[in-house]
Amino acid sequence: MARLAFFGTPALAATQLEALLASAHDVVLVVAQPDRPAGRGKQLQPPPTKVLALARGVEVAQPETLKKETPSGEAFFTLFSSKKVDLAVVAAYGRIIPRRLLELPPRGFVNVHASLLPRWRGAAPIQRALEAGDAKTGVCLMHMVPELDAGDVYATAEVAIDPNDDGETLTAKVAAAGARLLSTNLDALITGALPRVPQRTEGVTYAEQLEKHHGGVDWTKSARQLVDHARAMHPWPGAFTSLGDEVLKLFSPSLAPGQGAPGAVLSAGDGLVVACGAGAVRFGEAQLPNKRRMPVAELVKGRPIAVGTVLGAAAAT
């Protein structure tokens, strides 16, 4: 029985942790980012991996930083060293793992990375694949090295991207594929029987970390690009624009007939149809500040949107 550590934070990572906990091996430590404020009350909320680990009786560490020569980093290094881990598994942890940690376990660190490397190295591979209009993505088991997502690959699994997938549904599909891939290959990873294949040097792309402002809609882009953008931004930060001095959040995108000046409203009844740089896009649902998300047909009863109104970029609030 091998001693395993797991580094991961969100729900996607919890799915991978479930696979480890279901194995015949011993998960001796789960490492997650610190609790963060969430919801309207901004109360501290534990990450999903912490909740799962504590429910299963596994020790949890939440260091503020892993950096050397900081109290948090040094305390964690001492803790991790004491666990005598054979293999560490990482999935969406959200921080760079320093070299001195990578070198501790005899079998190293393996990252369950949510893309088909070398495409979409980085923090938001699922969202960037959607935004780019990719027809497929996948998951890799990658040997971790100090360079970002550049290590050799042990195994891969492809995941088709459905035209109706968004960030939420595709994350669930990729998480499930990753858990299956990890379960299938875990024993071979531990024994060292699984060969490593260097990544191709061509086709490298980087998935920039999502920030709130990335949800802003650029109406000069094509309708196809804006549909893909809105799909990628759901559920966070969401696609949004401005309606006068209000932020208007947009949901349920699809291609629509029509053309006009970018950002011009072509119709607002059974959906909000807006002209883009090429073509038009229809949003079936929308949300105004301090209101619930609702069908556009319902929203315009209380807040009419005249044909010809020009929507513009806005900062989310």
C-alpha atoms as a PDB file:
ATOM      1  CA  MET A   1       0.000   0.000   0.000  1.00  0.00           C
ATOM      2  CA  ALA A   2       1.450   3.331  -1.086  1.00  0.00           C
ATOM      3  CA  ARG A   3       1.267   6.583   0.854  1.00  0.00           C
ATOM      4  CA  LEU A   4      -0.357   9.320  -1.235  1.00  0.00           C
ATOM      5  CA  ALA A   5      -0.773  13.066  -0.896  1.00  0.00           C
ATOM      6  CA  PHE A   6      -3.310  15.088  -2.845  1.00  0.00           C
ATOM      7  CA  PHE A   7      -3.146  18.769  -3.805  1.00  0.00           C
ATOM      8  CA  GLY A   8      -6.396  20.282  -5.105  1.00  0.00           C
ATOM      9  CA  THR A   9      -9.077  22.804  -4.268  1.00  0.00           C
ATOM     10  CA  PRO A  10     -12.351  23.040  -6.313  1.00  0.00           C
ATOM     11  CA  ALA A  11     -15.079  20.543  -7.149  1.00  0.00           C
ATOM     12  CA  LEU A  12     -13.152  19.223 -10.178  1.00  0.00           C
ATOM     13  CA  ALA A  13     -10.322  18.303  -7.820  1.00  0.00           C
ATOM     14  CA  ALA A  14     -12.703  16.646  -5.368  1.00  0.00           C
ATOM     15  CA  THR A  15     -13.710  14.217  -8.124  1.00  0.00           C
ATOM     16  CA  GLN A  16     -10.058  13.169  -8.492  1.00  0.00           C
ATOM     17  CA  LEU A  17      -9.687  12.875  -4.714  1.00  0.00           C
ATOM     18  CA  GLU A  18     -12.684  10.521  -4.670  1.00  0.00           C
ATOM     19  CA  ALA A  19     -10.796   8.248  -7.074  1.00  0.00           C
ATOM     20  CA  LEU A  20      -7.765   8.152  -4.782  1.00  0.00           C
ATOM     21  CA  LEU A  21      -9.862   7.511  -1.694  1.00  0.00           C
ATOM     22  CA  ALA A  22     -11.552   4.595  -3.485  1.00  0.00           C
ATOM     23  CA  SER A  23      -8.175   2.977  -4.248  1.00  0.00           C
ATOM     24  CA  ALA A  24      -6.313   0.431  -2.137  1.00  0.00           C
ATOM     25  CA  HIS A  25      -3.738   3.050  -1.172  1.00  0.00           C
ATOM     26  CA  ASP A  26      -3.500   5.385   1.809  1.00  0.00           C
ATOM     27  CA  VAL A  27      -4.189   9.096   1.308  1.00  0.00           C
ATOM     28  CA  VAL A  28      -2.232  10.582   4.214  1.00  0.00           C
ATOM     29  CA  LEU A  29      -2.602  14.304   3.437  1.00  0.00           C
ATOM     30  CA  VAL A  30      -4.877  16.581   1.411  1.00  0.00           C
ATOM     31  CA  VAL A  31      -3.589  20.063   0.600  1.00  0.00           C
ATOM     32  CA  ALA A  32      -6.034  22.792  -0.434  1.00  0.00           C
ATOM     33  CA  GLN A  33      -6.054  26.543  -0.656  1.00  0.00           C
ATOM     34  CA  PRO A  34      -7.317  28.403   2.438  1.00  0.00           C
ATOM     35  CA  ASP A  35     -11.022  28.924   3.067  1.00  0.00           C
ATOM     36  CA  ARG A  36     -12.335  31.929   1.110  1.00  0.00           C
ATOM     37  CA  PRO A  37     -15.321  34.284   1.539  1.00  0.00           C
ATOM     38  CA  ALA A  38     -18.243  33.307  -0.686  1.00  0.00           C
ATOM     39  CA  GLY A  39     -21.921  34.103  -1.202  1.00  0.00           C
ATOM     40  CA  ARG A  40     -23.786  37.287  -0.407  1.00  0.00           C
ATOM     41  CA  GLY A  41     -22.789  37.151   3.236  1.00  0.00           C
ATOM     42  CA  LYS A  42     -19.101  36.671   2.343  1.00  0.00           C
ATOM     43  CA  GLN A  43     -18.767  33.983   4.983  1.00  0.00           C
ATOM     44  CA  LEU A  44     -15.641  31.834   4.904  1.00  0.00           C
ATOM     45  CA  GLN A  45     -16.324  28.643   2.951  1.00  0.00           C
ATOM     46  CA  PRO A  46     -14.112  25.540   2.922  1.00  0.00           C
ATOM     47  CA  PRO A  47     -13.085  24.231  -0.506  1.00  0.00           C
ATOM     48  CA  PRO A  48     -14.773  21.026  -1.722  1.00  0.00           C
ATOM     49  CA  THR A  49     -11.606  18.956  -1.296  1.00  0.00           C
ATOM     50  CA  LYS A  50     -11.336  19.953   2.363  1.00  0.00           C
ATOM     51  CA  VAL A  51     -14.962  19.034   3.013  1.00  0.00           C
ATOM     52  CA  LEU A  52     -14.469  15.616   1.412  1.00  0.00           C
ATOM     53  CA  ALA A  53     -11.168  14.912   3.159  1.00  0.00           C
ATOM     54  CA  LEU A  54     -12.461  15.765   6.621  1.00  0.00           C
ATOM     55  CA  ALA A  55     -15.551  13.636   6.037  1.00  0.00           C
ATOM     56  CA  ARG A  56     -13.237  10.704   5.276  1.00  0.00           C
ATOM     57  CA  GLY A  57     -10.938  11.371   8.235  1.00  0.00           C
ATOM     58  CA  VAL A  58      -7.961  12.559   6.175  1.00  0.00           C
ATOM     59  CA  GLU A  59      -5.647  15.276   7.477  1.00  0.00           C
ATOM     60  CA  VAL A  60      -5.938  18.599   5.644  1.00  0.00           C
ATOM     61  CA  ALA A  61      -3.320  21.340   5.246  1.00  0.00           C
ATOM     62  CA  GLN A  62      -4.114  24.812   3.874  1.00  0.00           C
ATOM     63  CA  PRO A  63      -0.845  26.741   3.718  1.00  0.00           C
ATOM     64  CA  GLU A  64      -1.075  30.407   2.748  1.00  0.00           C
ATOM     65  CA  THR A  65       1.994  29.933   0.576  1.00  0.00           C
ATOM     66  CA  LEU A  66       4.440  27.182  -0.371  1.00  0.00           C
ATOM     67  CA  LYS A  67       7.302  29.607  -0.865  1.00  0.00           C
ATOM     68  CA  LYS A  68      10.623  28.942   0.802  1.00  0.00           C
ATOM     69  CA  GLU A  69      11.725  31.126   3.717  1.00  0.00           C
ATOM     70  CA  THR A  70       8.188  32.054   4.749  1.00  0.00           C
ATOM     71  CA  PRO A  71       6.675  30.751   7.997  1.00  0.00           C
ATOM     72  CA  SER A  72       3.817  29.098   6.118  1.00  0.00           C
ATOM     73  CA  GLY A  73       6.087  27.587   3.476  1.00  0.00           C
ATOM     74  CA  GLU A  74       8.607  26.246   5.969  1.00  0.00           C
ATOM     75  CA  ALA A  75       5.940  24.783   8.250  1.00  0.00           C
ATOM     76  CA  PHE A  76       4.319  23.023   5.316  1.00  0.00           C
ATOM     77  CA  PHE A  77       7.635  21.673   4.033  1.00  0.00           C
ATOM     78  CA  THR A  78       8.275  20.141   7.443  1.00  0.00           C
ATOM     79  CA  LEU A  79       4.791  18.619   7.530  1.00  0.00           C
ATOM     80  CA  PHE A  80       4.982  17.237   4.006  1.00  0.00           C
ATOM     81  CA  SER A  81       8.443  15.767   4.609  1.00  0.00           C
ATOM     82  CA  SER A  82       7.182  13.971   7.709  1.00  0.00           C
ATOM     83  CA  LYS A  83       4.448  12.177   5.749  1.00  0.00           C
ATOM     84  CA  LYS A  84       6.939  10.062   3.739  1.00  0.00           C
ATOM     85  CA  VAL A  85       4.721  10.243   0.667  1.00  0.00           C
ATOM     86  CA  ASP A  86       5.413   7.823  -2.199  1.00  0.00           C
ATOM     87  CA  LEU A  87       3.421   9.776  -4.813  1.00  0.00           C
ATOM     88  CA  ALA A  88       1.635  13.135  -4.821  1.00  0.00           C
ATOM     89  CA  VAL A  89      -1.312  13.826  -7.118  1.00  0.00           C
ATOM     90  CA  VAL A  90      -2.313  17.357  -8.104  1.00  0.00           C
ATOM     91  CA  ALA A  91      -5.578  18.537  -9.672  1.00  0.00           C
ATOM     92  CA  ALA A  92      -6.514  22.220  -9.913  1.00  0.00           C
ATOM     93  CA  TYR A  93      -4.627  23.160  -6.771  1.00  0.00           C
ATOM     94  CA  GLY A  94      -4.155  26.737  -7.939  1.00  0.00           C
ATOM     95  CA  ARG A  95      -0.543  27.307  -6.917  1.00  0.00           C
ATOM     96  CA  ILE A  96       2.885  26.487  -8.325  1.00  0.00           C
ATOM     97  CA  ILE A  97       4.544  23.546  -6.547  1.00  0.00           C
ATOM     98  CA  PRO A  98       8.178  24.473  -5.678  1.00  0.00           C
ATOM     99  CA  ARG A  99      11.014  22.260  -6.885  1.00  0.00           C
ATOM    100  CA  ARG A 100      12.008  21.203  -3.379  1.00  0.00           C
ATOM    101  CA  LEU A 101       8.544  19.697  -2.865  1.00  0.00           C
ATOM    102  CA  LEU A 102       8.490  18.089  -6.319  1.00  0.00           C
ATOM    103  CA  GLU A 103      11.708  16.248  -5.495  1.00  0.00           C
ATOM    104  CA  LEU A 104      10.545  14.706  -2.193  1.00  0.00           C
ATOM    105  CA  PRO A 105       8.262  11.765  -3.188  1.00  0.00           C
ATOM    106  CA  PRO A 106      10.112   8.850  -4.820  1.00  0.00           C
ATOM    107  CA  ARG A 107       7.496   8.745  -7.612  1.00  0.00           C
ATOM    108  CA  GLY A 108       7.258  12.526  -7.822  1.00  0.00           C
ATOM    109  CA  PHE A 109       4.127  14.567  -8.456  1.00  0.00           C
ATOM    110  CA  VAL A 110       1.519  13.712 -11.085  1.00  0.00           C
ATOM    111  CA  ASN A 111      -0.845  16.402 -12.338  1.00  0.00           C
ATOM    112  CA  VAL A 112      -4.337  15.499 -13.566  1.00  0.00           C
ATOM    113  CA  HIS A 113      -4.436  18.286 -16.153  1.00  0.00           C
ATOM    114  CA  ALA A 114      -7.700  19.191 -17.878  1.00  0.00           C
ATOM    115  CA  SER A 115      -6.531  19.421 -21.494  1.00  0.00           C
ATOM    116  CA  LEU A 116      -4.738  17.491 -24.211  1.00  0.00           C
ATOM    117  CA  LEU A 117      -1.234  18.807 -23.652  1.00  0.00           C
ATOM    118  CA  PRO A 118       0.605  20.715 -25.006  1.00  0.00           C
ATOM    119  CA  ARG A 119      -2.606  22.562 -25.921  1.00  0.00           C
ATOM    120  CA  TRP A 120      -3.895  24.718 -23.074  1.00  0.00           C
ATOM    121  CA  ARG A 121      -1.200  24.643 -20.473  1.00  0.00           C
ATOM    122  CA  GLY A 122      -2.132  26.848 -17.558  1.00  0.00           C
ATOM    123  CA  ALA A 123      -4.917  27.734 -15.162  1.00  0.00           C
ATOM    124  CA  ALA A 124      -8.144  27.698 -17.205  1.00  0.00           C
ATOM    125  CA  PRO A 125      -7.827  24.995 -19.891  1.00  0.00           C
ATOM    126  CA  ILE A 126     -11.506  24.020 -19.963  1.00  0.00           C
ATOM    127  CA  GLN A 127     -12.761  27.569 -20.413  1.00  0.00           C
ATOM    128  CA  ARG A 128     -10.147  28.473 -22.999  1.00  0.00           C
ATOM    129  CA  ALA A 129     -10.925  25.358 -25.056  1.00  0.00           C
ATOM    130  CA  LEU A 130     -14.587  26.398 -25.154  1.00  0.00           C
ATOM    131  CA  GLU A 131     -13.749  29.999 -25.938  1.00  0.00           C
ATOM    132  CA  ALA A 132     -11.538  28.922 -28.846  1.00  0.00           C
ATOM    133  CA  GLY A 133     -14.307  26.767 -30.314  1.00  0.00           C
ATOM    134  CA  ASP A 134     -12.353  23.524 -29.920  1.00  0.00           C
ATOM    135  CA  ALA A 135     -14.231  20.381 -30.931  1.00  0.00           C
ATOM    136  CA  LYS A 136     -12.546  18.274 -28.282  1.00  0.00           C
ATOM    137  CA  THR A 137     -10.452  18.509 -25.163  1.00  0.00           C
ATOM    138  CA  GLY A 138      -9.446  15.923 -22.621  1.00  0.00           C
ATOM    139  CA  VAL A 139      -7.297  15.134 -19.636  1.00  0.00           C
ATOM    140  CA  CYS A 140      -3.656  14.133 -19.140  1.00  0.00           C
ATOM    141  CA  LEU A 141      -1.696  12.507 -16.371  1.00  0.00           C
ATOM    142  CA  MET A 142       1.483  14.583 -16.441  1.00  0.00           C
ATOM    143  CA  HIS A 143       4.750  14.239 -14.540  1.00  0.00           C
ATOM    144  CA  MET A 144       5.238  17.599 -12.870  1.00  0.00           C
ATOM    145  CA  VAL A 145       8.345  19.717 -13.430  1.00  0.00           C
ATOM    146  CA  PRO A 146       9.092  23.310 -12.387  1.00  0.00           C
ATOM    147  CA  GLU A 147       8.120  24.677 -15.836  1.00  0.00           C
ATOM    148  CA  LEU A 148       4.365  25.270 -16.160  1.00  0.00           C
ATOM    149  CA  ASP A 149       2.565  22.099 -17.378  1.00  0.00           C
ATOM    150  CA  ALA A 150       5.588  21.088 -19.469  1.00  0.00           C
ATOM    151  CA  GLY A 151       6.284  17.647 -18.010  1.00  0.00           C
ATOM    152  CA  ASP A 152       6.146  14.280 -19.722  1.00  0.00           C
ATOM    153  CA  VAL A 153       2.704  12.723 -20.193  1.00  0.00           C
ATOM    154  CA  TYR A 154       1.836   9.278 -18.816  1.00  0.00           C
ATOM    155  CA  ALA A 155      -1.681   8.846 -20.220  1.00  0.00           C
ATOM    156  CA  THR A 156      -4.463  10.805 -21.919  1.00  0.00           C
ATOM    157  CA  ALA A 157      -8.205  10.592 -22.471  1.00  0.00           C
ATOM    158  CA  GLU A 158     -10.148  12.628 -25.022  1.00  0.00           C
ATOM    159  CA  VAL A 159     -13.440  14.368 -24.228  1.00  0.00           C
ATOM    160  CA  ALA A 160     -15.725  15.576 -27.030  1.00  0.00           C
ATOM    161  CA  ILE A 161     -17.083  19.103 -26.641  1.00  0.00           C
ATOM    162  CA  ASP A 162     -20.805  19.160 -27.354  1.00  0.00           C
ATOM    163  CA  PRO A 163     -22.205  22.301 -29.041  1.00  0.00           C
ATOM    164  CA  ASN A 164     -24.323  22.886 -25.940  1.00  0.00           C
ATOM    165  CA  ASP A 165     -21.505  22.419 -23.432  1.00  0.00           C
ATOM    166  CA  ASP A 166     -20.552  25.323 -21.217  1.00  0.00           C
ATOM    167  CA  GLY A 167     -17.913  25.734 -18.528  1.00  0.00           C
ATOM    168  CA  GLU A 168     -20.027  23.912 -15.966  1.00  0.00           C
ATOM    169  CA  THR A 169     -21.033  20.873 -18.039  1.00  0.00           C
ATOM    170  CA  LEU A 170     -17.635  20.436 -19.656  1.00  0.00           C
ATOM    171  CA  THR A 171     -15.890  20.654 -16.294  1.00  0.00           C
ATOM    172  CA  ALA A 172     -18.068  17.806 -15.035  1.00  0.00           C
ATOM    173  CA  LYS A 173     -17.259  15.682 -18.104  1.00  0.00           C
ATOM    174  CA  VAL A 174     -13.524  16.323 -17.873  1.00  0.00           C
ATOM    175  CA  ALA A 175     -13.514  15.684 -14.119  1.00  0.00           C
ATOM    176  CA  ALA A 176     -15.171  12.308 -14.617  1.00  0.00           C
ATOM    177  CA  ALA A 177     -12.733  11.398 -17.392  1.00  0.00           C
ATOM    178  CA  GLY A 178      -9.812  12.406 -15.196  1.00  0.00           C
ATOM    179  CA  ALA A 179     -11.002  10.268 -12.298  1.00  0.00           C
ATOM    180  CA  ARG A 180     -11.350   7.246 -14.585  1.00  0.00           C
ATOM    181  CA  LEU A 181      -7.894   7.818 -16.072  1.00  0.00           C
ATOM    182  CA  LEU A 182      -6.334   8.199 -12.630  1.00  0.00           C
ATOM    183  CA  SER A 183      -8.030   5.086 -11.258  1.00  0.00           C
ATOM    184  CA  THR A 184      -6.979   3.002 -14.252  1.00  0.00           C
ATOM    185  CA  ASN A 185      -3.328   4.045 -14.086  1.00  0.00           C
ATOM    186  CA  LEU A 186      -2.717   4.643 -10.385  1.00  0.00           C
ATOM    187  CA  ASP A 187      -1.033   1.319  -9.583  1.00  0.00           C
ATOM    188  CA  ALA A 188       1.286   1.637 -12.589  1.00  0.00           C
ATOM    189  CA  LEU A 189       2.170   5.201 -11.565  1.00  0.00           C
ATOM    190  CA  ILE A 190       3.078   3.980  -8.093  1.00  0.00           C
ATOM    191  CA  THR A 191       5.224   1.090  -9.307  1.00  0.00           C
ATOM    192  CA  GLY A 192       6.886   3.156 -12.029  1.00  0.00           C
ATOM    193  CA  ALA A 193       5.629   0.823 -14.756  1.00  0.00           C
ATOM    194  CA  LEU A 194       3.889   3.550 -16.753  1.00  0.00           C
ATOM    195  CA  PRO A 195       6.114   5.035 -19.478  1.00  0.00           C
ATOM    196  CA  ARG A 196       6.460   8.811 -19.860  1.00  0.00           C
ATOM    197  CA  VAL A 197       6.141  10.512 -23.257  1.00  0.00           C
ATOM    198  CA  PRO A 198       7.656  13.989 -23.772  1.00  0.00           C
ATOM    199  CA  GLN A 199       5.206  16.635 -24.944  1.00  0.00           C
ATOM    200  CA  ARG A 200       5.371  17.875 -28.512  1.00  0.00           C
ATOM    201  CA  THR A 201       7.234  21.143 -28.944  1.00  0.00           C
ATOM    202  CA  GLU A 202       4.724  22.396 -31.518  1.00  0.00           C
ATOM    203  CA  GLY A 203       1.146  23.372 -30.752  1.00  0.00           C
ATOM    204  CA  VAL A 204       1.821  24.812 -27.307  1.00  0.00           C
ATOM    205  CA  THR A 205      -0.911  27.204 -26.120  1.00  0.00           C
ATOM    206  CA  TYR A 206      -1.535  28.816 -22.737  1.00  0.00           C
ATOM    207  CA  ALA A 207      -4.835  29.066 -20.875  1.00  0.00           C
ATOM    208  CA  GLU A 208      -4.799  32.406 -19.087  1.00  0.00           C
ATOM    209  CA  GLN A 209      -6.349  32.374 -15.634  1.00  0.00           C
ATOM    210  CA  LEU A 210      -9.929  33.650 -15.584  1.00  0.00           C
ATOM    211  CA  GLU A 211     -10.563  37.042 -14.025  1.00  0.00           C
ATOM    212  CA  LYS A 212     -13.848  38.855 -13.585  1.00  0.00           C
ATOM    213  CA  HIS A 213     -13.285  41.289 -16.452  1.00  0.00           C
ATOM    214  CA  HIS A 214     -12.876  38.444 -18.946  1.00  0.00           C
ATOM    215  CA  GLY A 215     -16.662  38.042 -18.964  1.00  0.00           C
ATOM    216  CA  GLY A 216     -17.157  41.388 -20.728  1.00  0.00           C
ATOM    217  CA  VAL A 217     -18.680  40.966 -24.203  1.00  0.00           C
ATOM    218  CA  ASP A 218     -16.844  42.476 -27.183  1.00  0.00           C
ATOM    219  CA  TRP A 219     -19.618  43.009 -29.728  1.00  0.00           C
ATOM    220  CA  THR A 220     -17.125  43.560 -32.576  1.00  0.00           C
ATOM    221  CA  LYS A 221     -16.362  39.842 -32.544  1.00  0.00           C
ATOM    222  CA  SER A 222     -18.314  37.386 -34.670  1.00  0.00           C
ATOM    223  CA  ALA A 223     -21.513  35.761 -33.462  1.00  0.00           C
ATOM    224  CA  ARG A 224     -19.770  32.385 -33.342  1.00  0.00           C
ATOM    225  CA  GLN A 225     -17.009  33.819 -31.150  1.00  0.00           C
ATOM    226  CA  LEU A 226     -19.510  35.420 -28.785  1.00  0.00           C
ATOM    227  CA  VAL A 227     -21.533  32.242 -28.394  1.00  0.00           C
ATOM    228  CA  ASP A 228     -18.333  30.373 -27.538  1.00  0.00           C
ATOM    229  CA  HIS A 229     -17.273  33.162 -25.163  1.00  0.00           C
ATOM    230  CA  ALA A 230     -20.566  33.076 -23.255  1.00  0.00           C
ATOM    231  CA  ARG A 231     -20.415  29.275 -22.998  1.00  0.00           C
ATOM    232  CA  ALA A 232     -16.865  29.453 -21.664  1.00  0.00           C
ATOM    233  CA  MET A 233     -17.632  32.126 -19.076  1.00  0.00           C
ATOM    234  CA  HIS A 234     -20.500  30.174 -17.473  1.00  0.00           C
ATOM    235  CA  PRO A 235     -20.877  29.878 -14.524  1.00  0.00           C
ATOM    236  CA  TRP A 236     -18.084  32.320 -13.587  1.00  0.00           C
ATOM    237  CA  PRO A 237     -17.479  35.143 -14.302  1.00  0.00           C
ATOM    238  CA  GLY A 238     -20.445  34.990 -16.690  1.00  0.00           C
ATOM    239  CA  ALA A 239     -20.929  36.944 -19.905  1.00  0.00           C
ATOM    240  CA  PHE A 240     -22.002  40.542 -19.322  1.00  0.00           C
ATOM    241  CA  THR A 241     -22.450  43.865 -21.076  1.00  0.00           C
ATOM    242  CA  SER A 242     -23.893  47.264 -20.200  1.00  0.00           C
ATOM    243  CA  LEU A 243     -27.453  48.447 -20.670  1.00  0.00           C
ATOM    244  CA  GLY A 244     -27.222  52.161 -20.051  1.00  0.00           C
ATOM    245  CA  ASP A 245     -25.523  52.453 -16.675  1.00  0.00           C
ATOM    246  CA  GLU A 246     -26.510  48.944 -15.570  1.00  0.00           C
ATOM    247  CA  VAL A 247     -24.632  45.682 -15.920  1.00  0.00           C
ATOM    248  CA  LEU A 248     -26.637  43.120 -17.880  1.00  0.00           C
ATOM    249  CA  LYS A 249     -25.644  39.493 -17.452  1.00  0.00           C
ATOM    250  CA  LEU A 250     -26.356  37.250 -20.431  1.00  0.00           C
ATOM    251  CA  PHE A 251     -27.198  33.536 -20.574  1.00  0.00           C
ATOM    252  CA  SER A 252     -28.262  30.771 -22.984  1.00  0.00           C
ATOM    253  CA  PRO A 253     -26.467  31.993 -26.136  1.00  0.00           C
ATOM    254  CA  SER A 254     -27.164  30.792 -29.667  1.00  0.00           C
ATOM    255  CA  LEU A 255     -26.571  31.965 -33.222  1.00  0.00           C
ATOM    256  CA  ALA A 256     -29.365  34.081 -34.724  1.00  0.00           C
ATOM    257  CA  PRO A 257     -30.127  35.610 -38.126  1.00  0.00           C
ATOM    258  CA  GLY A 258     -29.608  39.334 -38.519  1.00  0.00           C
ATOM    259  CA  GLN A 259     -26.944  41.978 -38.877  1.00  0.00           C
ATOM    260  CA  GLY A 260     -26.328  45.532 -37.805  1.00  0.00           C
ATOM    261  CA  ALA A 261     -23.903  47.743 -35.908  1.00  0.00           C
ATOM    262  CA  PRO A 262     -22.012  45.756 -33.256  1.00  0.00           C
ATOM    263  CA  GLY A 263     -23.941  45.811 -29.992  1.00  0.00           C
ATOM    264  CA  ALA A 264     -27.220  47.004 -31.531  1.00  0.00           C
ATOM    265  CA  VAL A 265     -30.352  45.271 -30.264  1.00  0.00           C
ATOM    266  CA  LEU A 266     -32.236  43.719 -33.176  1.00  0.00           C
ATOM    267  CA  SER A 267     -35.111  42.344 -31.104  1.00  0.00           C
ATOM    268  CA  ALA A 268     -35.981  41.932 -27.446  1.00  0.00           C
ATOM    269  CA  GLY A 269     -38.905  39.661 -26.847  1.00  0.00           C
ATOM    270  CA  ASP A 270     -38.510  35.931 -27.206  1.00  0.00           C
ATOM    271  CA  GLY A 271     -34.803  36.343 -26.473  1.00  0.00           C
ATOM    272  CA  LEU A 272     -32.421  39.246 -26.825  1.00  0.00           C
ATOM    273  CA  VAL A 273     -30.960  39.326 -30.338  1.00  0.00           C
ATOM    274  CA  VAL A 274     -27.879  41.524 -30.725  1.00  0.00           C
ATOM    275  CA  ALA A 275     -25.806  42.324 -33.805  1.00  0.00           C
ATOM    276  CA  CYS A 276     -22.130  41.409 -33.718  1.00  0.00           C
ATOM    277  CA  GLY A 277     -19.100  42.098 -35.873  1.00  0.00           C
ATOM    278  CA  ALA A 278     -20.432  39.348 -38.128  1.00  0.00           C
ATOM    279  CA  GLY A 279     -23.940  37.966 -37.713  1.00  0.00           C
ATOM    280  CA  ALA A 280     -26.044  38.110 -34.572  1.00  0.00           C
ATOM    281  CA  VAL A 281     -26.394  36.242 -31.301  1.00  0.00           C
ATOM    282  CA  ARG A 282     -29.493  35.466 -29.264  1.00  0.00           C
ATOM    283  CA  PHE A 283     -29.515  35.266 -25.474  1.00  0.00           C
ATOM    284  CA  GLY A 284     -32.505  33.441 -24.053  1.00  0.00           C
ATOM    285  CA  GLU A 285     -32.031  34.675 -20.491  1.00  0.00           C
ATOM    286  CA  ALA A 286     -30.603  37.739 -18.792  1.00  0.00           C
ATOM    287  CA  GLN A 287     -30.167  39.287 -15.362  1.00  0.00           C
ATOM    288  CA  LEU A 288     -30.149  42.872 -14.110  1.00  0.00           C
ATOM    289  CA  PRO A 289     -28.448  43.994 -10.864  1.00  0.00           C
ATOM    290  CA  ASN A 290     -30.214  42.760  -7.712  1.00  0.00           C
ATOM    291  CA  LYS A 291     -32.656  40.730  -9.810  1.00  0.00           C
ATOM    292  CA  ARG A 292     -32.858  37.022 -10.506  1.00  0.00           C
ATOM    293  CA  ARG A 293     -31.879  35.426 -13.780  1.00  0.00           C
ATOM    294  CA  MET A 294     -34.975  35.178 -15.986  1.00  0.00           C
ATOM    295  CA  PRO A 295     -36.153  34.669 -19.583  1.00  0.00           C
ATOM    296  CA  VAL A 296     -35.703  37.827 -21.634  1.00  0.00           C
ATOM    297  CA  ALA A 297     -39.424  37.828 -22.432  1.00  0.00           C
ATOM    298  CA  GLU A 298     -40.095  38.236 -18.712  1.00  0.00           C
ATOM    299  CA  LEU A 299     -37.295  40.728 -18.074  1.00  0.00           C
ATOM    300  CA  VAL A 300     -38.466  43.198 -20.734  1.00  0.00           C
ATOM    301  CA  LYS A 301     -41.916  43.401 -19.148  1.00  0.00           C
ATOM    302  CA  GLY A 302     -40.365  45.374 -16.312  1.00  0.00           C
ATOM    303  CA  ARG A 303     -37.382  46.826 -18.176  1.00  0.00           C
ATOM    304  CA  PRO A 304     -38.155  47.333 -21.869  1.00  0.00           C
ATOM    305  CA  ILE A 305     -35.197  47.256 -24.243  1.00  0.00           C
ATOM    306  CA  ALA A 306     -35.890  49.177 -27.427  1.00  0.00           C
ATOM    307  CA  VAL A 307     -34.761  47.910 -30.825  1.00  0.00           C
ATOM    308  CA  GLY A 308     -31.685  49.932 -31.792  1.00  0.00           C
ATOM    309  CA  THR A 309     -30.395  50.221 -28.246  1.00  0.00           C
ATOM    310  CA  VAL A 310     -26.610  49.769 -28.328  1.00  0.00           C
ATOM    311  CA  LEU A 311     -25.135  47.586 -25.639  1.00  0.00           C
ATOM    312  CA  GLY A 312     -21.553  48.202 -24.581  1.00  0.00           C
ATOM    313  CA  ALA A 313     -18.760  46.837 -22.450  1.00  0.00           C
ATOM    314  CA  ALA A 314     -19.092  47.220 -18.709  1.00  0.00           C
ATOM    315  CA  ALA A 315     -17.211  46.330 -15.590  1.00  0.00           C
ATOM    316  CA  ALA A 316     -18.942  43.652 -13.515  1.00  0.00           C
ATOM    317  CA  THR A 317     -20.152  44.733 -10.102  1.00  0.00           C
END
